All heavy atoms as atom14 arrays in JSON, in Angstrom:
{
  "sequence": "LNIDVSKSRVVVQGFGNVGGTAARLFHEAGAKVIAAQDHTGTVHNPEG",
  "atom14_mask": [
    [1, 1, 1, 1, 1, 1, 1, 1, 0, 0, 0, 0, 0, 0],
    [1, 1, 1, 1, 1, 1, 1, 1, 0, 0, 0, 0, 0, 0],
    [1, 1, 1, 1, 1, 1, 1, 1, 0, 0, 0, 0, 0, 0],
    [1, 1, 1, 1, 1, 1, 1, 1, 0, 0, 0, 0, 0, 0],
    [1, 1, 1, 1, 1, 1, 1, 0, 0, 0, 0, 0, 0, 0],
    [1, 1, 1, 1, 1, 1, 0, 0, 0, 0, 0, 0, 0, 0],
    [1, 1, 1, 1, 1, 1, 1, 1, 1, 0, 0, 0, 0, 0],
    [1, 1, 1, 1, 1, 1, 0, 0, 0, 0, 0, 0, 0, 0],
    [1, 1, 1, 1, 1, 1, 1, 1, 1, 1, 1, 0, 0, 0],
    [1, 1, 1, 1, 1, 1, 1, 0, 0, 0, 0, 0, 0, 0],
    [1, 1, 1, 1, 1, 1, 1, 0, 0, 0, 0, 0, 0, 0],
    [1, 1, 1, 1, 1, 1, 1, 0, 0, 0, 0, 0, 0, 0],
    [1, 1, 1, 1, 1, 1, 1, 1, 1, 0, 0, 0, 0, 0],
    [1, 1, 1, 1, 0, 0, 0, 0, 0, 0, 0, 0, 0, 0],
    [1, 1, 1, 1, 1, 1, 1, 1, 1, 1, 1, 0, 0, 0],
    [1, 1, 1, 1, 0, 0, 0, 0, 0, 0, 0, 0, 0, 0],
    [1, 1, 1, 1, 1, 1, 1, 1, 0, 0, 0, 0, 0, 0],
    [1, 1, 1, 1, 1, 1, 1, 0, 0, 0, 0, 0, 0, 0],
    [1, 1, 1, 1, 0, 0, 0, 0, 0, 0, 0, 0, 0, 0],
    [1, 1, 1, 1, 0, 0, 0, 0, 0, 0, 0, 0, 0, 0],
    [1, 1, 1, 1, 1, 1, 1, 0, 0, 0, 0, 0, 0, 0],
    [1, 1, 1, 1, 1, 0, 0, 0, 0, 0, 0, 0, 0, 0],
    [1, 1, 1, 1, 1, 0, 0, 0, 0, 0, 0, 0, 0, 0],
    [1, 1, 1, 1, 1, 1, 1, 1, 1, 1, 1, 0, 0, 0],
    [1, 1, 1, 1, 1, 1, 1, 1, 0, 0, 0, 0, 0, 0],
    [1, 1, 1, 1, 1, 1, 1, 1, 1, 1, 1, 0, 0, 0],
    [1, 1, 1, 1, 1, 1, 1, 1, 1, 1, 0, 0, 0, 0],
    [1, 1, 1, 1, 1, 1, 1, 1, 1, 0, 0, 0, 0, 0],
    [1, 1, 1, 1, 1, 0, 0, 0, 0, 0, 0, 0, 0, 0],
    [1, 1, 1, 1, 0, 0, 0, 0, 0, 0, 0, 0, 0, 0],
    [1, 1, 1, 1, 1, 0, 0, 0, 0, 0, 0, 0, 0, 0],
    [1, 1, 1, 1, 1, 1, 1, 1, 1, 0, 0, 0, 0, 0],
    [1, 1, 1, 1, 1, 1, 1, 0, 0, 0, 0, 0, 0, 0],
    [1, 1, 1, 1, 1, 1, 1, 1, 0, 0, 0, 0, 0, 0],
    [1, 1, 1, 1, 1, 0, 0, 0, 0, 0, 0, 0, 0, 0],
    [1, 1, 1, 1, 1, 0, 0, 0, 0, 0, 0, 0, 0, 0],
    [1, 1, 1, 1, 1, 1, 1, 1, 1, 0, 0, 0, 0, 0],
    [1, 1, 1, 1, 1, 1, 1, 1, 0, 0, 0, 0, 0, 0],
    [1, 1, 1, 1, 1, 1, 1, 1, 1, 1, 0, 0, 0, 0],
    [1, 1, 1, 1, 1, 1, 1, 0, 0, 0, 0, 0, 0, 0],
    [1, 1, 1, 1, 0, 0, 0, 0, 0, 0, 0, 0, 0, 0],
    [1, 1, 1, 1, 1, 1, 1, 0, 0, 0, 0, 0, 0, 0],
    [1, 1, 1, 1, 1, 1, 1, 0, 0, 0, 0, 0, 0, 0],
    [1, 1, 1, 1, 1, 1, 1, 1, 1, 1, 0, 0, 0, 0],
    [1, 1, 1, 1, 1, 1, 1, 1, 0, 0, 0, 0, 0, 0],
    [1, 1, 1, 1, 1, 1, 1, 0, 0, 0, 0, 0, 0, 0],
    [1, 1, 1, 1, 1, 1, 1, 1, 1, 0, 0, 0, 0, 0],
    [1, 1, 1, 1, 0, 0, 0, 0, 0, 0, 0, 0, 0, 0]
  ],
  "atom14_positions": [
    [[5.39, -21.9, 0.86], [6.54, -21.59, 0.01], [7.82, -21.35, 0.8], [8.84, -20.92, 0.24], [6.23, -20.35, -0.85], [5.01, -20.46, -1.79], [4.7, -19.12, -2.44], [5.22, -21.53, -2.84], [0.0, 0.0, 0.0], [0.0, 0.0, 0.0], [0.0, 0.0, 0.0], [0.0, 0.0, 0.0], [0.0, 0.0, 0.0], [0.0, 0.0, 0.0]],
    [[7.75, -21.57, 2.12], [8.91, -21.35, 3.0], [9.44, -19.92, 2.93], [10.65, -19.67, 2.83], [10.05, -22.33, 2.67], [9.66, -23.77, 3.01], [9.06, -24.01, 4.04], [9.98, -24.69, 2.1], [0.0, 0.0, 0.0], [0.0, 0.0, 0.0], [0.0, 0.0, 0.0], [0.0, 0.0, 0.0], [0.0, 0.0, 0.0], [0.0, 0.0, 0.0]],
    [[8.52, -18.95, 2.95], [8.9, -17.54, 2.99], [8.69, -17.04, 4.43], [7.64, -17.28, 5.03], [8.03, -16.69, 2.01], [8.3, -17.11, 0.57], [8.28, -15.2, 2.2], [7.33, -16.49, -0.44], [0.0, 0.0, 0.0], [0.0, 0.0, 0.0], [0.0, 0.0, 0.0], [0.0, 0.0, 0.0], [0.0, 0.0, 0.0], [0.0, 0.0, 0.0]],
    [[9.69, -16.36, 4.96], [9.59, -15.78, 6.3], [8.94, -14.39, 6.18], [9.54, -13.45, 5.66], [10.99, -15.66, 6.92], [10.95, -15.15, 8.37], [9.89, -14.61, 8.79], [11.96, -15.28, 9.09], [0.0, 0.0, 0.0], [0.0, 0.0, 0.0], [0.0, 0.0, 0.0], [0.0, 0.0, 0.0], [0.0, 0.0, 0.0], [0.0, 0.0, 0.0]],
    [[7.69, -14.29, 6.63], [6.94, -13.03, 6.47], [7.66, -11.87, 7.15], [7.7, -10.75, 6.63], [5.5, -13.18, 7.03], [4.77, -11.83, 7.05], [4.72, -14.17, 6.18], [0.0, 0.0, 0.0], [0.0, 0.0, 0.0], [0.0, 0.0, 0.0], [0.0, 0.0, 0.0], [0.0, 0.0, 0.0], [0.0, 0.0, 0.0], [0.0, 0.0, 0.0]],
    [[8.29, -12.14, 8.3], [8.93, -11.07, 9.07], [10.14, -10.48, 8.35], [10.6, -9.38, 8.69], [9.35, -11.57, 10.46], [10.38, -12.55, 10.32], [0.0, 0.0, 0.0], [0.0, 0.0, 0.0], [0.0, 0.0, 0.0], [0.0, 0.0, 0.0], [0.0, 0.0, 0.0], [0.0, 0.0, 0.0], [0.0, 0.0, 0.0], [0.0, 0.0, 0.0]],
    [[10.66, -11.2, 7.36], [11.83, -10.7, 6.61], [11.46, -10.38, 5.16], [12.34, -10.18, 4.32], [12.96, -11.74, 6.63], [13.52, -11.99, 8.04], [14.55, -13.08, 8.06], [15.08, -13.3, 9.48], [15.81, -14.55, 9.61], [0.0, 0.0, 0.0], [0.0, 0.0, 0.0], [0.0, 0.0, 0.0], [0.0, 0.0, 0.0], [0.0, 0.0, 0.0]],
    [[10.19, -10.34, 4.88], [9.76, -10.19, 3.48], [9.58, -8.73, 3.1], [9.49, -7.83, 3.94], [8.44, -10.95, 3.26], [7.4, -10.34, 4.02], [0.0, 0.0, 0.0], [0.0, 0.0, 0.0], [0.0, 0.0, 0.0], [0.0, 0.0, 0.0], [0.0, 0.0, 0.0], [0.0, 0.0, 0.0], [0.0, 0.0, 0.0], [0.0, 0.0, 0.0]],
    [[9.54, -8.5, 1.77], [9.21, -7.19, 1.2], [7.81, -7.26, 0.59], [7.4, -8.29, 0.05], [10.23, -6.8, 0.13], [11.64, -6.6, 0.65], [12.66, -6.75, -0.46], [12.66, -8.08, -1.03], [13.46, -8.48, -2.03], [14.32, -7.65, -2.56], [13.37, -9.73, -2.48], [0.0, 0.0, 0.0], [0.0, 0.0, 0.0], [0.0, 0.0, 0.0]],
    [[7.11, -6.12, 0.7], [5.72, -6.08, 0.24], [5.52, -4.84, -0.63], [6.01, -3.76, -0.3], [4.74, -6.04, 1.44], [3.3, -6.08, 0.97], [5.01, -7.19, 2.41], [0.0, 0.0, 0.0], [0.0, 0.0, 0.0], [0.0, 0.0, 0.0], [0.0, 0.0, 0.0], [0.0, 0.0, 0.0], [0.0, 0.0, 0.0], [0.0, 0.0, 0.0]],
    [[4.78, -5.01, -1.72], [4.43, -3.91, -2.62], [2.9, -3.91, -2.73], [2.3, -4.95, -2.99], [5.08, -4.13, -4.01], [4.53, -3.19, -5.03], [6.61, -3.96, -3.9], [0.0, 0.0, 0.0], [0.0, 0.0, 0.0], [0.0, 0.0, 0.0], [0.0, 0.0, 0.0], [0.0, 0.0, 0.0], [0.0, 0.0, 0.0], [0.0, 0.0, 0.0]],
    [[2.29, -2.72, -2.53], [0.82, -2.65, -2.46], [0.29, -1.63, -3.47], [0.73, -0.48, -3.51], [0.36, -2.23, -1.04], [-1.16, -2.24, -0.95], [0.94, -3.15, 0.03], [0.0, 0.0, 0.0], [0.0, 0.0, 0.0], [0.0, 0.0, 0.0], [0.0, 0.0, 0.0], [0.0, 0.0, 0.0], [0.0, 0.0, 0.0], [0.0, 0.0, 0.0]],
    [[-0.67, -2.07, -4.28], [-1.38, -1.14, -5.17], [-2.77, -0.9, -4.6], [-3.55, -1.83, -4.41], [-1.5, -1.7, -6.59], [-2.1, -0.65, -7.55], [-2.74, -1.25, -8.78], [-3.3, -2.35, -8.74], [-2.67, -0.53, -9.89], [0.0, 0.0, 0.0], [0.0, 0.0, 0.0], [0.0, 0.0, 0.0], [0.0, 0.0, 0.0], [0.0, 0.0, 0.0]],
    [[-3.1, 0.37, -4.37], [-4.36, 0.71, -3.71], [-4.11, 0.78, -2.22], [-3.6, -0.18, -1.63], [0.0, 0.0, 0.0], [0.0, 0.0, 0.0], [0.0, 0.0, 0.0], [0.0, 0.0, 0.0], [0.0, 0.0, 0.0], [0.0, 0.0, 0.0], [0.0, 0.0, 0.0], [0.0, 0.0, 0.0], [0.0, 0.0, 0.0], [0.0, 0.0, 0.0]],
    [[-4.43, 1.9, -1.6], [-4.1, 2.05, -0.18], [-5.33, 2.51, 0.6], [-5.25, 3.33, 1.51], [-2.93, 3.03, 0.0], [-1.91, 2.57, 1.02], [-1.01, 1.56, 0.71], [-1.87, 3.12, 2.28], [-0.09, 1.11, 1.65], [-0.96, 2.68, 3.22], [-0.05, 1.68, 2.91], [0.0, 0.0, 0.0], [0.0, 0.0, 0.0], [0.0, 0.0, 0.0]],
    [[-6.49, 1.93, 0.21], [-7.72, 2.19, 0.95], [-7.87, 1.18, 2.08], [-6.87, 0.73, 2.67], [0.0, 0.0, 0.0], [0.0, 0.0, 0.0], [0.0, 0.0, 0.0], [0.0, 0.0, 0.0], [0.0, 0.0, 0.0], [0.0, 0.0, 0.0], [0.0, 0.0, 0.0], [0.0, 0.0, 0.0], [0.0, 0.0, 0.0], [0.0, 0.0, 0.0]],
    [[-9.11, 0.81, 2.36], [-9.38, -0.14, 3.45], [-8.59, -1.44, 3.3], [-8.03, -1.95, 4.26], [-10.87, -0.49, 3.47], [-11.66, 0.49, 4.29], [-11.08, 1.34, 4.94], [-12.98, 0.39, 4.24], [0.0, 0.0, 0.0], [0.0, 0.0, 0.0], [0.0, 0.0, 0.0], [0.0, 0.0, 0.0], [0.0, 0.0, 0.0], [0.0, 0.0, 0.0]],
    [[-8.56, -1.96, 2.06], [-7.97, -3.29, 1.85], [-6.45, -3.21, 1.86], [-5.78, -3.83, 2.68], [-8.48, -3.9, 0.52], [-7.87, -5.3, 0.32], [-10.0, -3.96, 0.51], [0.0, 0.0, 0.0], [0.0, 0.0, 0.0], [0.0, 0.0, 0.0], [0.0, 0.0, 0.0], [0.0, 0.0, 0.0], [0.0, 0.0, 0.0], [0.0, 0.0, 0.0]],
    [[-5.9, -2.43, 0.93], [-4.44, -2.34, 0.81], [-3.81, -1.75, 2.05], [-2.75, -2.21, 2.51], [0.0, 0.0, 0.0], [0.0, 0.0, 0.0], [0.0, 0.0, 0.0], [0.0, 0.0, 0.0], [0.0, 0.0, 0.0], [0.0, 0.0, 0.0], [0.0, 0.0, 0.0], [0.0, 0.0, 0.0], [0.0, 0.0, 0.0], [0.0, 0.0, 0.0]],
    [[-4.44, -0.73, 2.61], [-3.9, -0.07, 3.8], [-3.87, -1.0, 5.0], [-2.87, -1.07, 5.73], [0.0, 0.0, 0.0], [0.0, 0.0, 0.0], [0.0, 0.0, 0.0], [0.0, 0.0, 0.0], [0.0, 0.0, 0.0], [0.0, 0.0, 0.0], [0.0, 0.0, 0.0], [0.0, 0.0, 0.0], [0.0, 0.0, 0.0], [0.0, 0.0, 0.0]],
    [[-4.96, -1.74, 5.21], [-5.02, -2.67, 6.35], [-4.0, -3.79, 6.17], [-3.27, -4.14, 7.12], [-6.44, -3.26, 6.49], [-7.36, -2.2, 6.72], [-6.51, -4.27, 7.62], [0.0, 0.0, 0.0], [0.0, 0.0, 0.0], [0.0, 0.0, 0.0], [0.0, 0.0, 0.0], [0.0, 0.0, 0.0], [0.0, 0.0, 0.0], [0.0, 0.0, 0.0]],
    [[-3.95, -4.37, 4.96], [-2.99, -5.46, 4.7], [-1.56, -4.96, 4.93], [-0.74, -5.64, 5.57], [-3.15, -5.98, 3.28], [0.0, 0.0, 0.0], [0.0, 0.0, 0.0], [0.0, 0.0, 0.0], [0.0, 0.0, 0.0], [0.0, 0.0, 0.0], [0.0, 0.0, 0.0], [0.0, 0.0, 0.0], [0.0, 0.0, 0.0], [0.0, 0.0, 0.0]],
    [[-1.26, -3.75, 4.41], [0.08, -3.17, 4.57], [0.42, -3.0, 6.05], [1.54, -3.33, 6.49], [0.16, -1.83, 3.85], [0.0, 0.0, 0.0], [0.0, 0.0, 0.0], [0.0, 0.0, 0.0], [0.0, 0.0, 0.0], [0.0, 0.0, 0.0], [0.0, 0.0, 0.0], [0.0, 0.0, 0.0], [0.0, 0.0, 0.0], [0.0, 0.0, 0.0]],
    [[-0.53, -2.51, 6.84], [-0.29, -2.3, 8.27], [-0.01, -3.63, 8.98], [0.92, -3.72, 9.79], [-1.49, -1.6, 8.91], [-1.35, -1.4, 10.42], [-2.51, -0.64, 11.01], [-3.77, -1.33, 10.86], [-4.18, -2.37, 11.59], [-3.43, -2.84, 12.54], [-5.35, -2.94, 11.37], [0.0, 0.0, 0.0], [0.0, 0.0, 0.0], [0.0, 0.0, 0.0]],
    [[-0.78, -4.66, 8.65], [-0.58, -5.97, 9.3], [0.77, -6.59, 8.91], [1.46, -7.18, 9.75], [-1.74, -6.91, 8.97], [-3.09, -6.5, 9.58], [-4.22, -7.31, 8.96], [-3.08, -6.66, 11.09], [0.0, 0.0, 0.0], [0.0, 0.0, 0.0], [0.0, 0.0, 0.0], [0.0, 0.0, 0.0], [0.0, 0.0, 0.0], [0.0, 0.0, 0.0]],
    [[1.16, -6.42, 7.64], [2.49, -6.88, 7.22], [3.58, -6.12, 7.98], [4.55, -6.71, 8.47], [2.68, -6.67, 5.71], [2.26, -7.84, 4.86], [1.13, -7.78, 4.07], [3.0, -9.01, 4.84], [0.74, -8.86, 3.28], [2.63, -10.1, 4.06], [1.48, -10.02, 3.28], [0.0, 0.0, 0.0], [0.0, 0.0, 0.0], [0.0, 0.0, 0.0]],
    [[3.4, -4.81, 8.05], [4.36, -3.93, 8.74], [4.51, -4.35, 10.2], [5.63, -4.47, 10.73], [3.86, -2.48, 8.62], [4.73, -1.45, 9.28], [5.97, -1.09, 8.79], [4.53, -0.7, 10.42], [6.49, -0.15, 9.59], [5.65, 0.09, 10.58], [0.0, 0.0, 0.0], [0.0, 0.0, 0.0], [0.0, 0.0, 0.0], [0.0, 0.0, 0.0]],
    [[3.36, -4.62, 10.86], [3.39, -5.01, 12.27], [3.99, -6.41, 12.46], [4.47, -6.74, 13.55], [1.98, -4.93, 12.86], [1.5, -3.48, 13.01], [0.02, -3.34, 13.35], [-0.67, -4.39, 13.47], [-0.45, -2.18, 13.49], [0.0, 0.0, 0.0], [0.0, 0.0, 0.0], [0.0, 0.0, 0.0], [0.0, 0.0, 0.0], [0.0, 0.0, 0.0]],
    [[3.96, -7.21, 11.38], [4.56, -8.55, 11.44], [6.06, -8.52, 11.14], [6.72, -9.57, 11.11], [3.87, -9.49, 10.45], [0.0, 0.0, 0.0], [0.0, 0.0, 0.0], [0.0, 0.0, 0.0], [0.0, 0.0, 0.0], [0.0, 0.0, 0.0], [0.0, 0.0, 0.0], [0.0, 0.0, 0.0], [0.0, 0.0, 0.0], [0.0, 0.0, 0.0]],
    [[6.61, -7.31, 10.89], [8.05, -7.18, 10.66], [8.45, -7.04, 9.21], [9.63, -6.83, 8.89], [0.0, 0.0, 0.0], [0.0, 0.0, 0.0], [0.0, 0.0, 0.0], [0.0, 0.0, 0.0], [0.0, 0.0, 0.0], [0.0, 0.0, 0.0], [0.0, 0.0, 0.0], [0.0, 0.0, 0.0], [0.0, 0.0, 0.0], [0.0, 0.0, 0.0]],
    [[7.48, -7.18, 8.27], [7.79, -7.07, 6.84], [8.06, -5.61, 6.47], [7.63, -4.69, 7.17], [6.64, -7.62, 6.0], [0.0, 0.0, 0.0], [0.0, 0.0, 0.0], [0.0, 0.0, 0.0], [0.0, 0.0, 0.0], [0.0, 0.0, 0.0], [0.0, 0.0, 0.0], [0.0, 0.0, 0.0], [0.0, 0.0, 0.0], [0.0, 0.0, 0.0]],
    [[8.79, -5.41, 5.35], [9.02, -4.05, 4.83], [8.07, -3.78, 3.67], [8.11, -4.49, 2.66], [10.47, -3.92, 4.31], [11.53, -3.82, 5.38], [12.89, -3.65, 4.72], [14.01, -3.61, 5.77], [15.34, -3.58, 5.1], [0.0, 0.0, 0.0], [0.0, 0.0, 0.0], [0.0, 0.0, 0.0], [0.0, 0.0, 0.0], [0.0, 0.0, 0.0]],
    [[7.22, -2.79, 3.82], [6.39, -2.35, 2.71], [7.23, -1.34, 1.91], [7.42, -0.21, 2.34], [5.06, -1.73, 3.2], [4.24, -1.25, 2.01], [4.28, -2.75, 4.03], [0.0, 0.0, 0.0], [0.0, 0.0, 0.0], [0.0, 0.0, 0.0], [0.0, 0.0, 0.0], [0.0, 0.0, 0.0], [0.0, 0.0, 0.0], [0.0, 0.0, 0.0]],
    [[7.75, -1.78, 0.75], [8.74, -0.95, 0.05], [8.14, -0.01, -0.99], [8.81, 0.91, -1.47], [9.85, -1.83, -0.6], [9.25, -2.8, -1.63], [10.64, -2.58, 0.46], [10.31, -3.5, -2.48], [0.0, 0.0, 0.0], [0.0, 0.0, 0.0], [0.0, 0.0, 0.0], [0.0, 0.0, 0.0], [0.0, 0.0, 0.0], [0.0, 0.0, 0.0]],
    [[6.89, -0.23, -1.36], [6.27, 0.66, -2.35], [4.75, 0.6, -2.21], [4.18, -0.42, -1.83], [6.67, 0.28, -3.77], [0.0, 0.0, 0.0], [0.0, 0.0, 0.0], [0.0, 0.0, 0.0], [0.0, 0.0, 0.0], [0.0, 0.0, 0.0], [0.0, 0.0, 0.0], [0.0, 0.0, 0.0], [0.0, 0.0, 0.0], [0.0, 0.0, 0.0]],
    [[4.13, 1.73, -2.54], [2.66, 1.82, -2.54], [2.24, 2.68, -3.72], [2.92, 3.65, -4.07], [2.15, 2.42, -1.23], [0.0, 0.0, 0.0], [0.0, 0.0, 0.0], [0.0, 0.0, 0.0], [0.0, 0.0, 0.0], [0.0, 0.0, 0.0], [0.0, 0.0, 0.0], [0.0, 0.0, 0.0], [0.0, 0.0, 0.0], [0.0, 0.0, 0.0]],
    [[1.13, 2.32, -4.31], [0.63, 3.05, -5.48], [-0.89, 3.19, -5.39], [-1.58, 2.28, -4.97], [0.98, 2.29, -6.77], [0.52, 2.98, -8.07], [0.8, 2.12, -9.29], [0.04, 1.25, -9.66], [1.95, 2.36, -9.93], [0.0, 0.0, 0.0], [0.0, 0.0, 0.0], [0.0, 0.0, 0.0], [0.0, 0.0, 0.0], [0.0, 0.0, 0.0]],
    [[-1.39, 4.38, -5.79], [-2.82, 4.55, -6.02], [-3.01, 5.61, -7.1], [-2.06, 5.98, -7.79], [-3.57, 4.88, -4.72], [-3.15, 6.22, -4.11], [-2.47, 7.02, -4.79], [-3.51, 6.47, -2.94], [0.0, 0.0, 0.0], [0.0, 0.0, 0.0], [0.0, 0.0, 0.0], [0.0, 0.0, 0.0], [0.0, 0.0, 0.0], [0.0, 0.0, 0.0]],
    [[-4.25, 6.09, -7.27], [-4.54, 7.02, -8.37], [-3.83, 8.36, -8.21], [-3.76, 9.14, -9.15], [-6.06, 7.24, -8.48], [-6.66, 7.92, -7.27], [-6.92, 7.26, -6.12], [-7.03, 9.21, -7.05], [-7.41, 8.1, -5.22], [-7.49, 9.29, -5.75], [0.0, 0.0, 0.0], [0.0, 0.0, 0.0], [0.0, 0.0, 0.0], [0.0, 0.0, 0.0]],
    [[-3.25, 8.62, -7.01], [-2.57, 9.91, -6.78], [-1.07, 9.84, -7.04], [-0.39, 10.87, -7.08], [-2.79, 10.42, -5.35], [-2.18, 9.5, -4.43], [-4.28, 10.53, -5.03], [0.0, 0.0, 0.0], [0.0, 0.0, 0.0], [0.0, 0.0, 0.0], [0.0, 0.0, 0.0], [0.0, 0.0, 0.0], [0.0, 0.0, 0.0], [0.0, 0.0, 0.0]],
    [[-0.52, 8.64, -7.18], [0.91, 8.51, -7.43], [1.5, 7.22, -6.89], [0.77, 6.34, -6.39], [0.0, 0.0, 0.0], [0.0, 0.0, 0.0], [0.0, 0.0, 0.0], [0.0, 0.0, 0.0], [0.0, 0.0, 0.0], [0.0, 0.0, 0.0], [0.0, 0.0, 0.0], [0.0, 0.0, 0.0], [0.0, 0.0, 0.0], [0.0, 0.0, 0.0]],
    [[2.82, 7.11, -6.97], [3.55, 5.93, -6.5], [4.69, 6.39, -5.6], [5.42, 7.32, -5.96], [4.12, 5.13, -7.69], [3.07, 4.83, -8.61], [4.78, 3.84, -7.25], [0.0, 0.0, 0.0], [0.0, 0.0, 0.0], [0.0, 0.0, 0.0], [0.0, 0.0, 0.0], [0.0, 0.0, 0.0], [0.0, 0.0, 0.0], [0.0, 0.0, 0.0]],
    [[4.87, 5.76, -4.43], [6.0, 6.08, -3.55], [6.8, 4.81, -3.29], [6.23, 3.72, -3.19], [5.56, 6.73, -2.21], [5.04, 8.12, -2.44], [4.54, 5.87, -1.48], [0.0, 0.0, 0.0], [0.0, 0.0, 0.0], [0.0, 0.0, 0.0], [0.0, 0.0, 0.0], [0.0, 0.0, 0.0], [0.0, 0.0, 0.0], [0.0, 0.0, 0.0]],
    [[8.1, 5.0, -3.16], [8.99, 3.85, -3.02], [10.08, 4.17, -2.0], [10.63, 5.27, -1.99], [9.64, 3.55, -4.4], [10.69, 2.48, -4.35], [11.99, 2.66, -4.78], [10.63, 1.2, -3.93], [12.68, 1.55, -4.61], [11.88, 0.64, -4.1], [0.0, 0.0, 0.0], [0.0, 0.0, 0.0], [0.0, 0.0, 0.0], [0.0, 0.0, 0.0]],
    [[10.35, 3.23, -1.12], [11.46, 3.33, -0.18], [11.99, 1.93, 0.05], [11.36, 1.11, 0.71], [10.99, 3.96, 1.15], [12.16, 4.18, 2.11], [13.23, 3.59, 1.96], [11.97, 5.05, 3.1], [0.0, 0.0, 0.0], [0.0, 0.0, 0.0], [0.0, 0.0, 0.0], [0.0, 0.0, 0.0], [0.0, 0.0, 0.0], [0.0, 0.0, 0.0]],
    [[13.18, 1.61, -0.5], [13.72, 0.24, -0.38], [13.95, -0.19, 1.07], [13.98, -1.39, 1.36], [15.02, 0.3, -1.17], [15.33, 1.75, -1.36], [14.07, 2.5, -1.3], [0.0, 0.0, 0.0], [0.0, 0.0, 0.0], [0.0, 0.0, 0.0], [0.0, 0.0, 0.0], [0.0, 0.0, 0.0], [0.0, 0.0, 0.0], [0.0, 0.0, 0.0]],
    [[14.07, 0.79, 1.98], [14.26, 0.47, 3.4], [12.94, 0.24, 4.13], [12.89, -0.1, 5.3], [15.04, 1.6, 4.11], [16.44, 1.82, 3.55], [17.25, 0.54, 3.55], [17.31, -0.12, 4.62], [17.8, 0.17, 2.49], [0.0, 0.0, 0.0], [0.0, 0.0, 0.0], [0.0, 0.0, 0.0], [0.0, 0.0, 0.0], [0.0, 0.0, 0.0]],
    [[11.86, 0.44, 3.41], [10.52, 0.24, 4.0], [9.85, 1.57, 4.33], [10.45, 2.46, 4.94], [0.0, 0.0, 0.0], [0.0, 0.0, 0.0], [0.0, 0.0, 0.0], [0.0, 0.0, 0.0], [0.0, 0.0, 0.0], [0.0, 0.0, 0.0], [0.0, 0.0, 0.0], [0.0, 0.0, 0.0], [0.0, 0.0, 0.0], [0.0, 0.0, 0.0]]
  ]
}
């Protein structure tokens, strides 16, 4: 789709093994994880 992962924004629901690991790998690739949600609540930071 011609998306540059290093400049992308990511939103993750569930932050266990799957969501947490994916979020970390995106983060390490330069992407901004701007929001995360699980059964305890939702957090958002537009700057990542």
